[in-house]
Structure formats: structure tokens, C-alpha cells
Amino acid sequence: MRGTVNFEQVKRVADKLQQDGQKVSVRAVQRITGGSMTTVLELLRQWQQRQQTAVLSSATEENLSEALRAAISSEIAENVSRCRAAMEAQIQLAEQRAQETGDLLKDAEIREQELLATIDADKKEITALATQLKMTESKAGELEAKIEELRKALLEAEKRASVAETRVEERDKSIKVLEERRAAAKAKGQKKEPK
């Protein structure tokens, strides 16, 4: 932020610029003294009016003709008017740029808020998806455990089926042996009857 500036500061800088043969402008003075453009412009106008008064006073002291004094006064007034117009144009341009910058800043702030809202929504969605993923992983774990239990149960059932099949085979063999013995006993019994 720019500090305050007074007439003496502006006068010193303007006198120095003039002595060095440089252009005395609001920007040139403000660059050295600081302060707002409006304040520097007003103080620079006072300095120019004092300069004009000093020139006129000097001209009066040297008994210049009225026509010459009027010409000098007119020339100074025209220079002051041109400088004033140029400075006012510079101030207007600076104010316009400041307004445009302010508008751009507002647009940037709105965009920033929109982006922050989008980021917040994305974070919430990511959190929800992470929760869903954990639930899915948990369910997948439960399903894997159930599948493992079913595999064990299937293996157990296959073992039982194998044991049962073995028993059935053994029973079938026993029945066959019994049938063969019965057939053999029957055949033996029939051979004995003809005697």
C-alpha cells in the first residue's frame, strides 16, 4: 500500500526532475514519492501554479512588456492545461485498468470457488467409493470363506460317497459270493438226489 505524500516532497522531486532536464509527470514524481495518483496530481498542479506565479512575478520584476507577460502566461497556461489533460488521461487509464483487474480478480475468485466446490464433491465421491470398495472387499472375503467351506463340504461328501461306493462294491462282492455258494450248494444238492 502506498504511503501519504505532502507538497514539500512533491516540490523537491519536481524541482530535481526539472533541473535534471527530465519530464515532470505524475508517474515520474509518484515513482519517487509514493502516494496515490490523485494526491500526487493535485500536489503537482499546486507546484505548477507556483511555478507559473514565480515566472509571472519574475517577469513583472524585470519590467517585461504586458504583451510578453501575457504571452508567457498564456504559454504556461497551455502547458499546464496539456499536462493536466495528459495526467487526467493517465489517471483515467489507470482507473480503467484497475477496474478491469478488479473484474478479472472477481472472475478468478468465482472460478476458484467453483473449483473448490468440484474438488469437495470429488473428495466426497472418492470417500463414498472407498467405503463401497471396503464393503465389497468384505463381502468378497465372506464369499471366499463360504466357498472354502463348500469345497471342504464337497470333499467330505466325495469321501463319504467313495466310502459308500466301496461298501456297496464290497456288499455286491459278498452277495455274488453268497449267490455263487448258493448256486454251488444247489448244484451239489441236485447231484446227490439221483442216487
N, C-alpha and C. Protein backbone atom coordinates (compact mmCIF):
# COMPACT_ATOMS: atom_id res chain seq x y z
N MET A 1 0.84 -1.18 0.00
CA MET A 1 0.00 0.00 0.00
C MET A 1 0.88 1.23 0.00
N ARG A 2 0.48 2.28 -0.72
CA ARG A 2 1.30 3.48 -0.83
C ARG A 2 1.08 4.38 0.37
N GLY A 3 2.17 5.05 0.83
CA GLY A 3 2.07 5.95 1.97
C GLY A 3 1.54 7.32 1.54
N THR A 4 1.35 8.18 2.52
CA THR A 4 0.88 9.53 2.22
C THR A 4 2.06 10.37 1.74
N VAL A 5 1.76 11.39 0.98
CA VAL A 5 2.79 12.27 0.42
C VAL A 5 2.33 13.71 0.61
N ASN A 6 3.31 14.63 0.82
CA ASN A 6 2.93 16.03 1.03
C ASN A 6 3.54 16.92 -0.06
N PHE A 7 3.17 18.21 -0.03
CA PHE A 7 3.58 19.14 -1.07
C PHE A 7 5.10 19.28 -1.13
N GLU A 8 5.75 19.34 0.03
CA GLU A 8 7.20 19.55 0.07
C GLU A 8 7.94 18.41 -0.64
N GLN A 9 7.45 17.18 -0.45
CA GLN A 9 8.09 16.03 -1.11
C GLN A 9 7.92 16.14 -2.63
N VAL A 10 6.69 16.47 -3.05
CA VAL A 10 6.42 16.60 -4.49
C VAL A 10 7.24 17.73 -5.07
N LYS A 11 7.34 18.87 -4.38
CA LYS A 11 8.10 20.04 -4.84
C LYS A 11 9.57 19.68 -5.02
N ARG A 12 10.16 18.99 -4.02
CA ARG A 12 11.57 18.62 -4.10
C ARG A 12 11.83 17.74 -5.33
N VAL A 13 10.99 16.74 -5.52
CA VAL A 13 11.17 15.81 -6.64
C VAL A 13 10.96 16.52 -7.97
N ALA A 14 9.90 17.34 -8.08
CA ALA A 14 9.61 18.05 -9.33
C ALA A 14 10.73 19.02 -9.67
N ASP A 15 11.23 19.77 -8.67
CA ASP A 15 12.35 20.69 -8.90
C ASP A 15 13.59 19.94 -9.40
N LYS A 16 13.87 18.78 -8.78
CA LYS A 16 15.04 17.99 -9.16
C LYS A 16 14.90 17.47 -10.59
N LEU A 17 13.69 16.94 -10.92
CA LEU A 17 13.45 16.45 -12.28
C LEU A 17 13.63 17.57 -13.30
N GLN A 18 13.10 18.74 -12.97
CA GLN A 18 13.19 19.89 -13.87
C GLN A 18 14.65 20.32 -14.03
N GLN A 19 15.41 20.34 -12.95
CA GLN A 19 16.82 20.73 -13.01
C GLN A 19 17.62 19.74 -13.85
N ASP A 20 17.27 18.46 -13.74
CA ASP A 20 18.00 17.42 -14.49
C ASP A 20 17.55 17.34 -15.94
N GLY A 21 16.58 18.19 -16.32
CA GLY A 21 16.10 18.22 -17.70
C GLY A 21 15.17 17.06 -18.03
N GLN A 22 14.60 16.43 -17.01
CA GLN A 22 13.67 15.33 -17.23
C GLN A 22 12.24 15.85 -17.23
N LYS A 23 11.34 15.04 -17.80
CA LYS A 23 9.93 15.41 -17.86
C LYS A 23 9.32 15.28 -16.47
N VAL A 24 8.62 16.33 -16.05
CA VAL A 24 7.95 16.30 -14.75
C VAL A 24 6.53 15.77 -14.99
N SER A 25 6.30 14.49 -14.61
CA SER A 25 4.99 13.88 -14.81
C SER A 25 4.53 13.24 -13.49
N VAL A 26 3.25 12.95 -13.44
CA VAL A 26 2.69 12.34 -12.24
C VAL A 26 3.40 11.02 -11.95
N ARG A 27 3.59 10.22 -12.98
CA ARG A 27 4.23 8.91 -12.78
C ARG A 27 5.67 9.05 -12.30
N ALA A 28 6.40 9.99 -12.91
CA ALA A 28 7.80 10.18 -12.52
C ALA A 28 7.89 10.61 -11.06
N VAL A 29 7.01 11.53 -10.65
CA VAL A 29 7.03 12.01 -9.26
C VAL A 29 6.56 10.90 -8.33
N GLN A 30 5.49 10.23 -8.71
CA GLN A 30 4.92 9.18 -7.85
C GLN A 30 5.89 8.03 -7.65
N ARG A 31 6.68 7.71 -8.68
CA ARG A 31 7.65 6.64 -8.58
C ARG A 31 8.62 6.88 -7.43
N ILE A 32 8.93 8.18 -7.17
CA ILE A 32 9.90 8.52 -6.14
C ILE A 32 9.22 8.76 -4.79
N THR A 33 8.08 9.48 -4.81
CA THR A 33 7.45 9.88 -3.55
C THR A 33 6.47 8.86 -3.01
N GLY A 34 5.91 8.02 -3.89
CA GLY A 34 4.83 7.14 -3.47
C GLY A 34 3.53 7.94 -3.42
N GLY A 35 2.52 7.45 -2.73
CA GLY A 35 1.23 8.13 -2.64
C GLY A 35 0.33 7.78 -3.80
N SER A 36 -0.93 8.17 -3.70
CA SER A 36 -1.89 7.86 -4.77
C SER A 36 -1.71 8.82 -5.93
N MET A 37 -2.15 8.39 -7.12
CA MET A 37 -2.03 9.23 -8.31
C MET A 37 -2.83 10.53 -8.13
N THR A 38 -4.00 10.42 -7.53
CA THR A 38 -4.86 11.60 -7.35
C THR A 38 -4.16 12.64 -6.48
N THR A 39 -3.57 12.18 -5.36
CA THR A 39 -2.88 13.10 -4.44
C THR A 39 -1.68 13.73 -5.13
N VAL A 40 -0.87 12.92 -5.80
CA VAL A 40 0.33 13.45 -6.48
C VAL A 40 -0.08 14.44 -7.58
N LEU A 41 -1.14 14.12 -8.31
CA LEU A 41 -1.63 15.02 -9.36
C LEU A 41 -2.01 16.38 -8.78
N GLU A 42 -2.76 16.38 -7.68
CA GLU A 42 -3.20 17.64 -7.06
C GLU A 42 -2.01 18.45 -6.56
N LEU A 43 -1.05 17.78 -5.92
CA LEU A 43 0.13 18.49 -5.40
C LEU A 43 1.01 18.99 -6.55
N LEU A 44 1.08 18.23 -7.64
CA LEU A 44 1.86 18.65 -8.80
C LEU A 44 1.21 19.87 -9.46
N ARG A 45 -0.11 19.91 -9.48
CA ARG A 45 -0.81 21.10 -10.00
C ARG A 45 -0.46 22.35 -9.18
N GLN A 46 -0.43 22.16 -7.86
CA GLN A 46 -0.05 23.30 -6.99
C GLN A 46 1.36 23.76 -7.31
N TRP A 47 2.26 22.81 -7.49
CA TRP A 47 3.64 23.15 -7.82
C TRP A 47 3.71 23.92 -9.14
N GLN A 48 2.95 23.45 -10.16
CA GLN A 48 2.94 24.11 -11.46
C GLN A 48 2.37 25.54 -11.36
N GLN A 49 1.32 25.69 -10.55
CA GLN A 49 0.75 27.04 -10.37
C GLN A 49 1.76 27.96 -9.70
N ARG A 50 2.50 27.45 -8.74
CA ARG A 50 3.53 28.28 -8.08
C ARG A 50 4.65 28.61 -9.06
N GLN A 51 4.97 27.64 -9.90
CA GLN A 51 5.98 27.89 -10.93
C GLN A 51 5.51 29.02 -11.85
N GLN A 52 4.25 28.92 -12.25
CA GLN A 52 3.67 29.92 -13.15
C GLN A 52 3.67 31.30 -12.47
N THR A 53 3.28 31.32 -11.21
CA THR A 53 3.25 32.59 -10.46
C THR A 53 4.66 33.16 -10.33
N ALA A 54 5.63 32.28 -10.09
CA ALA A 54 7.02 32.74 -9.94
C ALA A 54 7.53 33.33 -11.25
N VAL A 55 7.20 32.70 -12.37
CA VAL A 55 7.63 33.20 -13.68
C VAL A 55 7.00 34.56 -13.94
N LEU A 56 5.70 34.65 -13.64
CA LEU A 56 5.00 35.93 -13.85
C LEU A 56 5.56 37.02 -12.94
N SER A 57 5.83 36.63 -11.72
CA SER A 57 6.39 37.60 -10.77
C SER A 57 7.75 38.06 -11.23
N SER A 58 8.56 37.13 -11.71
CA SER A 58 9.89 37.47 -12.21
C SER A 58 9.77 38.38 -13.43
N ALA A 59 8.82 38.05 -14.29
CA ALA A 59 8.63 38.88 -15.48
C ALA A 59 8.20 40.28 -15.09
N THR A 60 7.38 40.39 -14.06
CA THR A 60 6.94 41.71 -13.61
C THR A 60 8.11 42.49 -13.05
N GLU A 61 8.95 41.76 -12.27
CA GLU A 61 10.10 42.44 -11.67
C GLU A 61 11.05 42.97 -12.73
N GLU A 62 11.19 42.29 -13.83
CA GLU A 62 12.11 42.72 -14.87
C GLU A 62 11.45 43.69 -15.84
N ASN A 63 10.24 44.11 -15.51
CA ASN A 63 9.52 45.10 -16.32
C ASN A 63 9.35 44.69 -17.77
N LEU A 64 8.91 43.43 -17.92
CA LEU A 64 8.63 42.98 -19.27
C LEU A 64 7.34 43.65 -19.74
N SER A 65 7.22 43.70 -21.03
CA SER A 65 6.02 44.33 -21.56
C SER A 65 4.80 43.49 -21.23
N GLU A 66 3.67 44.13 -21.21
CA GLU A 66 2.41 43.46 -20.89
C GLU A 66 2.14 42.35 -21.90
N ALA A 67 2.44 42.61 -23.16
CA ALA A 67 2.19 41.62 -24.21
C ALA A 67 3.06 40.38 -24.00
N LEU A 68 4.32 40.58 -23.60
CA LEU A 68 5.23 39.47 -23.37
C LEU A 68 4.79 38.66 -22.14
N ARG A 69 4.39 39.40 -21.09
CA ARG A 69 3.90 38.72 -19.90
C ARG A 69 2.65 37.89 -20.22
N ALA A 70 1.77 38.45 -21.02
CA ALA A 70 0.55 37.75 -21.40
C ALA A 70 0.89 36.51 -22.23
N ALA A 71 1.86 36.65 -23.14
CA ALA A 71 2.27 35.51 -23.96
C ALA A 71 2.87 34.40 -23.10
N ILE A 72 3.73 34.82 -22.15
CA ILE A 72 4.35 33.84 -21.24
C ILE A 72 3.27 33.16 -20.41
N SER A 73 2.38 33.97 -19.88
CA SER A 73 1.30 33.44 -19.05
C SER A 73 0.42 32.48 -19.86
N SER A 74 0.14 32.87 -21.11
CA SER A 74 -0.67 32.03 -21.98
C SER A 74 0.04 30.72 -22.28
N GLU A 75 1.33 30.81 -22.57
CA GLU A 75 2.12 29.60 -22.86
C GLU A 75 2.16 28.67 -21.65
N ILE A 76 2.38 29.27 -20.48
CA ILE A 76 2.41 28.46 -19.26
C ILE A 76 1.05 27.81 -19.02
N ALA A 77 -0.01 28.59 -19.21
CA ALA A 77 -1.37 28.06 -19.01
C ALA A 77 -1.65 26.92 -19.97
N GLU A 78 -1.20 27.06 -21.23
CA GLU A 78 -1.40 25.99 -22.21
C GLU A 78 -0.62 24.74 -21.82
N ASN A 79 0.64 24.96 -21.37
CA ASN A 79 1.45 23.82 -20.92
C ASN A 79 0.81 23.12 -19.73
N VAL A 80 0.33 23.92 -18.79
CA VAL A 80 -0.33 23.36 -17.60
C VAL A 80 -1.57 22.58 -18.04
N SER A 81 -2.33 23.18 -18.96
CA SER A 81 -3.56 22.53 -19.44
C SER A 81 -3.24 21.22 -20.14
N ARG A 82 -2.19 21.22 -21.00
CA ARG A 82 -1.79 19.99 -21.68
C ARG A 82 -1.33 18.92 -20.68
N CYS A 83 -0.52 19.38 -19.73
CA CYS A 83 -0.03 18.44 -18.71
C CYS A 83 -1.19 17.88 -17.90
N ARG A 84 -2.13 18.76 -17.54
CA ARG A 84 -3.29 18.34 -16.76
C ARG A 84 -4.09 17.31 -17.56
N ALA A 85 -4.33 17.60 -18.85
CA ALA A 85 -5.10 16.69 -19.69
C ALA A 85 -4.39 15.34 -19.81
N ALA A 86 -3.07 15.39 -20.01
CA ALA A 86 -2.30 14.15 -20.12
C ALA A 86 -2.36 13.35 -18.82
N MET A 87 -2.22 14.06 -17.70
CA MET A 87 -2.26 13.39 -16.40
C MET A 87 -3.64 12.81 -16.12
N GLU A 88 -4.67 13.57 -16.45
CA GLU A 88 -6.03 13.07 -16.24
C GLU A 88 -6.30 11.85 -17.12
N ALA A 89 -5.76 11.87 -18.34
CA ALA A 89 -5.91 10.71 -19.23
C ALA A 89 -5.18 9.50 -18.64
N GLN A 90 -3.98 9.76 -18.09
CA GLN A 90 -3.23 8.66 -17.46
C GLN A 90 -3.98 8.10 -16.26
N ILE A 91 -4.56 9.01 -15.46
CA ILE A 91 -5.32 8.58 -14.28
C ILE A 91 -6.54 7.77 -14.72
N GLN A 92 -7.24 8.26 -15.75
CA GLN A 92 -8.43 7.56 -16.23
C GLN A 92 -8.06 6.17 -16.75
N LEU A 93 -6.93 6.11 -17.49
CA LEU A 93 -6.47 4.82 -18.00
C LEU A 93 -6.11 3.88 -16.84
N ALA A 94 -5.42 4.43 -15.84
CA ALA A 94 -5.04 3.62 -14.68
C ALA A 94 -6.28 3.13 -13.93
N GLU A 95 -7.28 4.01 -13.78
CA GLU A 95 -8.51 3.60 -13.11
C GLU A 95 -9.24 2.52 -13.91
N GLN A 96 -9.23 2.69 -15.25
CA GLN A 96 -9.87 1.68 -16.11
C GLN A 96 -9.16 0.34 -15.97
N ARG A 97 -7.82 0.38 -15.96
CA ARG A 97 -7.06 -0.86 -15.80
C ARG A 97 -7.31 -1.48 -14.43
N ALA A 98 -7.40 -0.62 -13.42
CA ALA A 98 -7.68 -1.12 -12.07
C ALA A 98 -9.05 -1.80 -12.04
N GLN A 99 -10.03 -1.19 -12.72
CA GLN A 99 -11.37 -1.77 -12.78
C GLN A 99 -11.34 -3.13 -13.49
N GLU A 100 -10.62 -3.17 -14.64
CA GLU A 100 -10.51 -4.43 -15.39
C GLU A 100 -9.83 -5.50 -14.54
N THR A 101 -8.77 -5.08 -13.84
CA THR A 101 -8.06 -6.02 -12.97
C THR A 101 -8.98 -6.53 -11.86
N GLY A 102 -9.77 -5.60 -11.28
CA GLY A 102 -10.73 -6.00 -10.25
C GLY A 102 -11.75 -6.98 -10.78
N ASP A 103 -12.23 -6.74 -12.01
CA ASP A 103 -13.20 -7.65 -12.63
C ASP A 103 -12.57 -9.03 -12.86
N LEU A 104 -11.32 -9.03 -13.36
CA LEU A 104 -10.62 -10.31 -13.57
C LEU A 104 -10.42 -11.05 -12.25
N LEU A 105 -10.09 -10.28 -11.21
CA LEU A 105 -9.90 -10.88 -9.89
C LEU A 105 -11.20 -11.51 -9.39
N LYS A 106 -12.32 -10.80 -9.58
CA LYS A 106 -13.62 -11.35 -9.16
C LYS A 106 -13.92 -12.63 -9.92
N ASP A 107 -13.67 -12.60 -11.26
CA ASP A 107 -13.90 -13.80 -12.06
C ASP A 107 -13.03 -14.96 -11.58
N ALA A 108 -11.77 -14.64 -11.25
CA ALA A 108 -10.84 -15.68 -10.76
C ALA A 108 -11.32 -16.23 -9.42
N GLU A 109 -11.84 -15.36 -8.55
CA GLU A 109 -12.34 -15.82 -7.25
C GLU A 109 -13.56 -16.73 -7.44
N ILE A 110 -14.45 -16.35 -8.36
CA ILE A 110 -15.62 -17.19 -8.64
C ILE A 110 -15.18 -18.55 -9.16
N ARG A 111 -14.23 -18.54 -10.10
CA ARG A 111 -13.73 -19.80 -10.66
C ARG A 111 -13.07 -20.65 -9.58
N GLU A 112 -12.32 -19.97 -8.70
CA GLU A 112 -11.67 -20.69 -7.60
C GLU A 112 -12.71 -21.37 -6.71
N GLN A 113 -13.80 -20.65 -6.40
CA GLN A 113 -14.87 -21.22 -5.57
C GLN A 113 -15.50 -22.43 -6.27
N GLU A 114 -15.72 -22.29 -7.60
CA GLU A 114 -16.29 -23.40 -8.36
C GLU A 114 -15.36 -24.62 -8.32
N LEU A 115 -14.05 -24.37 -8.50
CA LEU A 115 -13.09 -25.47 -8.47
C LEU A 115 -13.03 -26.11 -7.09
N LEU A 116 -13.08 -25.29 -6.03
CA LEU A 116 -13.06 -25.83 -4.68
C LEU A 116 -14.30 -26.68 -4.42
N ALA A 117 -15.46 -26.22 -4.94
CA ALA A 117 -16.69 -26.99 -4.78
C ALA A 117 -16.58 -28.32 -5.52
N THR A 118 -16.00 -28.28 -6.73
CA THR A 118 -15.81 -29.51 -7.51
C THR A 118 -14.87 -30.47 -6.78
N ILE A 119 -13.79 -29.92 -6.25
CA ILE A 119 -12.82 -30.75 -5.52
C ILE A 119 -13.50 -31.38 -4.30
N ASP A 120 -14.31 -30.58 -3.58
CA ASP A 120 -15.01 -31.09 -2.40
C ASP A 120 -15.95 -32.22 -2.79
N ALA A 121 -16.71 -32.01 -3.89
CA ALA A 121 -17.63 -33.05 -4.36
C ALA A 121 -16.86 -34.31 -4.76
N ASP A 122 -15.71 -34.12 -5.44
CA ASP A 122 -14.89 -35.27 -5.84
C ASP A 122 -14.37 -36.03 -4.62
N LYS A 123 -13.97 -35.28 -3.57
CA LYS A 123 -13.48 -35.92 -2.36
C LYS A 123 -14.58 -36.77 -1.72
N LYS A 124 -15.80 -36.20 -1.68
CA LYS A 124 -16.92 -36.94 -1.10
C LYS A 124 -17.21 -38.20 -1.91
N GLU A 125 -17.16 -38.07 -3.23
CA GLU A 125 -17.41 -39.23 -4.09
C GLU A 125 -16.34 -40.29 -3.89
N ILE A 126 -15.08 -39.85 -3.78
CA ILE A 126 -13.97 -40.79 -3.55
C ILE A 126 -14.16 -41.51 -2.22
N THR A 127 -14.58 -40.75 -1.18
CA THR A 127 -14.81 -41.36 0.13
C THR A 127 -15.92 -42.40 0.05
N ALA A 128 -17.01 -42.04 -0.67
CA ALA A 128 -18.13 -42.99 -0.82
C ALA A 128 -17.67 -44.24 -1.57
N LEU A 129 -16.89 -44.06 -2.64
CA LEU A 129 -16.39 -45.19 -3.41
C LEU A 129 -15.44 -46.06 -2.59
N ALA A 130 -14.63 -45.41 -1.76
CA ALA A 130 -13.70 -46.16 -0.90
C ALA A 130 -14.50 -47.00 0.11
N THR A 131 -15.58 -46.43 0.65
CA THR A 131 -16.44 -47.17 1.58
C THR A 131 -17.08 -48.36 0.87
N GLN A 132 -17.59 -48.11 -0.35
CA GLN A 132 -18.20 -49.20 -1.13
C GLN A 132 -17.17 -50.29 -1.42
N LEU A 133 -15.95 -49.87 -1.75
CA LEU A 133 -14.89 -50.84 -2.05
C LEU A 133 -14.59 -51.70 -0.83
N LYS A 134 -14.53 -51.07 0.36
CA LYS A 134 -14.27 -51.83 1.58
C LYS A 134 -15.39 -52.84 1.83
N MET A 135 -16.64 -52.38 1.62
CA MET A 135 -17.78 -53.28 1.82
C MET A 135 -17.72 -54.44 0.83
N THR A 136 -17.38 -54.11 -0.43
CA THR A 136 -17.29 -55.15 -1.46
C THR A 136 -16.18 -56.14 -1.12
N GLU A 137 -15.03 -55.60 -0.67
CA GLU A 137 -13.92 -56.48 -0.28
C GLU A 137 -14.32 -57.37 0.89
N SER A 138 -15.07 -56.78 1.83
CA SER A 138 -15.52 -57.55 2.99
C SER A 138 -16.45 -58.68 2.54
N LYS A 139 -17.42 -58.33 1.66
CA LYS A 139 -18.34 -59.34 1.14
C LYS A 139 -17.58 -60.41 0.35
N ALA A 140 -16.59 -59.96 -0.44
CA ALA A 140 -15.79 -60.91 -1.21
C ALA A 140 -15.06 -61.87 -0.27
N GLY A 141 -14.55 -61.33 0.83
CA GLY A 141 -13.88 -62.18 1.83
C GLY A 141 -14.84 -63.19 2.42
N GLU A 142 -16.06 -62.72 2.74
CA GLU A 142 -17.07 -63.63 3.29
C GLU A 142 -17.42 -64.72 2.27
N LEU A 143 -17.59 -64.29 1.00
CA LEU A 143 -17.91 -65.27 -0.05
C LEU A 143 -16.79 -66.28 -0.23
N GLU A 144 -15.55 -65.81 -0.17
CA GLU A 144 -14.42 -66.73 -0.31
C GLU A 144 -14.41 -67.74 0.84
N ALA A 145 -14.74 -67.26 2.05
CA ALA A 145 -14.79 -68.16 3.20
C ALA A 145 -15.89 -69.21 3.00
N LYS A 146 -17.06 -68.76 2.51
CA LYS A 146 -18.17 -69.70 2.25
C LYS A 146 -17.80 -70.71 1.17
N ILE A 147 -17.14 -70.20 0.10
CA ILE A 147 -16.70 -71.10 -0.98
C ILE A 147 -15.74 -72.15 -0.42
N GLU A 148 -14.84 -71.71 0.45
CA GLU A 148 -13.88 -72.65 1.06
C GLU A 148 -14.61 -73.70 1.89
N GLU A 149 -15.62 -73.22 2.65
CA GLU A 149 -16.42 -74.16 3.44
C GLU A 149 -17.13 -75.16 2.54
N LEU A 150 -17.71 -74.66 1.44
CA LEU A 150 -18.41 -75.53 0.50
C LEU A 150 -17.45 -76.53 -0.14
N ARG A 151 -16.23 -76.09 -0.45
CA ARG A 151 -15.22 -77.00 -1.02
C ARG A 151 -14.91 -78.13 -0.03
N LYS A 152 -14.73 -77.71 1.23
CA LYS A 152 -14.43 -78.72 2.26
C LYS A 152 -15.59 -79.70 2.38
N ALA A 153 -16.82 -79.11 2.38
CA ALA A 153 -18.01 -79.96 2.49
C ALA A 153 -18.11 -80.90 1.29
N LEU A 154 -17.77 -80.40 0.08
CA LEU A 154 -17.80 -81.22 -1.12
C LEU A 154 -16.77 -82.34 -1.04
N LEU A 155 -15.57 -82.00 -0.57
CA LEU A 155 -14.54 -83.03 -0.42
C LEU A 155 -14.99 -84.10 0.57
N GLU A 156 -15.58 -83.62 1.67
CA GLU A 156 -16.08 -84.55 2.69
C GLU A 156 -17.16 -85.46 2.09
N ALA A 157 -18.06 -84.83 1.30
CA ALA A 157 -19.14 -85.61 0.67
C ALA A 157 -18.56 -86.60 -0.34
N GLU A 158 -17.53 -86.18 -1.09
CA GLU A 158 -16.89 -87.08 -2.05
C GLU A 158 -16.24 -88.26 -1.34
N LYS A 159 -15.62 -87.96 -0.16
CA LYS A 159 -15.01 -89.05 0.62
C LYS A 159 -16.07 -90.03 1.08
N ARG A 160 -17.17 -89.46 1.61
CA ARG A 160 -18.26 -90.33 2.08
C ARG A 160 -18.82 -91.16 0.92
N ALA A 161 -18.98 -90.46 -0.25
CA ALA A 161 -19.51 -91.18 -1.42
C ALA A 161 -18.56 -92.31 -1.83
N SER A 162 -17.25 -92.03 -1.75
CA SER A 162 -16.24 -93.03 -2.10
C SER A 162 -16.31 -94.21 -1.13
N VAL A 163 -16.44 -93.89 0.18
CA VAL A 163 -16.54 -94.94 1.19
C VAL A 163 -17.80 -95.76 0.95
N ALA A 164 -18.92 -95.04 0.67
CA ALA A 164 -20.19 -95.74 0.42
C ALA A 164 -20.07 -96.61 -0.82
N GLU A 165 -19.42 -96.09 -1.85
CA GLU A 165 -19.26 -96.85 -3.09
C GLU A 165 -18.43 -98.10 -2.83
N THR A 166 -17.37 -97.91 -2.02
CA THR A 166 -16.52 -99.06 -1.66
C THR A 166 -17.35 -100.11 -0.92
N ARG A 167 -18.18 -99.64 0.02
CA ARG A 167 -19.02 -100.57 0.80
C ARG A 167 -20.03 -101.29 -0.11
N VAL A 168 -20.59 -100.49 -1.05
CA VAL A 168 -21.55 -101.10 -1.98
C VAL A 168 -20.85 -102.17 -2.80
N GLU A 169 -19.62 -101.86 -3.28
CA GLU A 169 -18.86 -102.84 -4.07
C GLU A 169 -18.58 -104.09 -3.24
N GLU A 170 -18.18 -103.85 -1.97
CA GLU A 170 -17.88 -104.98 -1.08
C GLU A 170 -19.15 -105.81 -0.85
N ARG A 171 -20.29 -105.15 -0.63
CA ARG A 171 -21.57 -105.85 -0.43
C ARG A 171 -21.95 -106.63 -1.68
N ASP A 172 -21.74 -105.93 -2.87
CA ASP A 172 -22.05 -106.63 -4.14
C ASP A 172 -21.19 -107.90 -4.28
N LYS A 173 -19.91 -107.78 -3.89
CA LYS A 173 -19.00 -108.94 -3.96
C LYS A 173 -19.47 -110.03 -3.01
N SER A 174 -19.88 -109.55 -1.80
CA SER A 174 -20.36 -110.53 -0.81
C SER A 174 -21.61 -111.23 -1.32
N ILE A 175 -22.51 -110.47 -1.90
CA ILE A 175 -23.75 -111.06 -2.45
C ILE A 175 -23.40 -112.04 -3.56
N LYS A 176 -22.45 -111.67 -4.42
CA LYS A 176 -22.07 -112.53 -5.53
C LYS A 176 -21.48 -113.84 -5.01
N VAL A 177 -20.63 -113.67 -3.99
CA VAL A 177 -20.01 -114.86 -3.40
C VAL A 177 -21.10 -115.75 -2.81
N LEU A 178 -22.05 -115.12 -2.10
CA LEU A 178 -23.14 -115.89 -1.50
C LEU A 178 -23.98 -116.57 -2.58
N GLU A 179 -24.24 -115.82 -3.66
CA GLU A 179 -25.04 -116.41 -4.74
C GLU A 179 -24.29 -117.57 -5.39
N GLU A 180 -22.99 -117.39 -5.55
CA GLU A 180 -22.18 -118.46 -6.14
C GLU A 180 -22.20 -119.69 -5.22
N ARG A 181 -22.10 -119.45 -3.89
CA ARG A 181 -22.12 -120.55 -2.93
C ARG A 181 -23.48 -121.24 -2.96
N ARG A 182 -24.53 -120.41 -3.01
CA ARG A 182 -25.88 -120.96 -3.04
C ARG A 182 -26.05 -121.82 -4.30
N ALA A 183 -25.58 -121.22 -5.44
CA ALA A 183 -25.71 -121.96 -6.70
C ALA A 183 -24.91 -123.26 -6.63
N ALA A 184 -23.72 -123.16 -6.02
CA ALA A 184 -22.87 -124.34 -5.90
C ALA A 184 -23.53 -125.37 -4.98
N ALA A 185 -24.12 -124.86 -3.89
CA ALA A 185 -24.78 -125.77 -2.94
C ALA A 185 -26.00 -126.40 -3.61
N LYS A 186 -26.71 -125.66 -4.37
CA LYS A 186 -27.91 -126.16 -5.06
C LYS A 186 -27.50 -127.21 -6.09
N ALA A 187 -26.43 -126.92 -6.79
CA ALA A 187 -25.96 -127.85 -7.81
C ALA A 187 -25.49 -129.13 -7.13
N LYS A 188 -24.85 -129.02 -6.02
CA LYS A 188 -24.38 -130.17 -5.27
C LYS A 188 -25.58 -130.99 -4.79
N GLY A 189 -26.59 -130.26 -4.35
CA GLY A 189 -27.79 -130.94 -3.85
C GLY A 189 -28.50 -131.69 -4.97
N GLN A 190 -28.51 -131.23 -6.11
CA GLN A 190 -29.19 -131.87 -7.24
C GLN A 190 -28.40 -133.10 -7.68
N LYS A 191 -27.11 -133.07 -7.58
CA LYS A 191 -26.28 -134.22 -7.96
C LYS A 191 -26.53 -135.38 -7.01
N LYS A 192 -26.78 -135.14 -5.78
CA LYS A 192 -26.95 -136.18 -4.79
C LYS A 192 -28.31 -136.85 -4.94
N GLU A 193 -29.31 -136.20 -5.41
CA GLU A 193 -30.67 -136.74 -5.47
C GLU A 193 -30.78 -137.97 -6.40
N PRO A 194 -30.17 -138.11 -7.55
CA PRO A 194 -30.38 -139.28 -8.40
C PRO A 194 -29.91 -140.59 -7.74
N LYS A 195 -29.05 -140.63 -6.91
CA LYS A 195 -28.63 -141.89 -6.28
C LYS A 195 -29.79 -142.42 -5.55
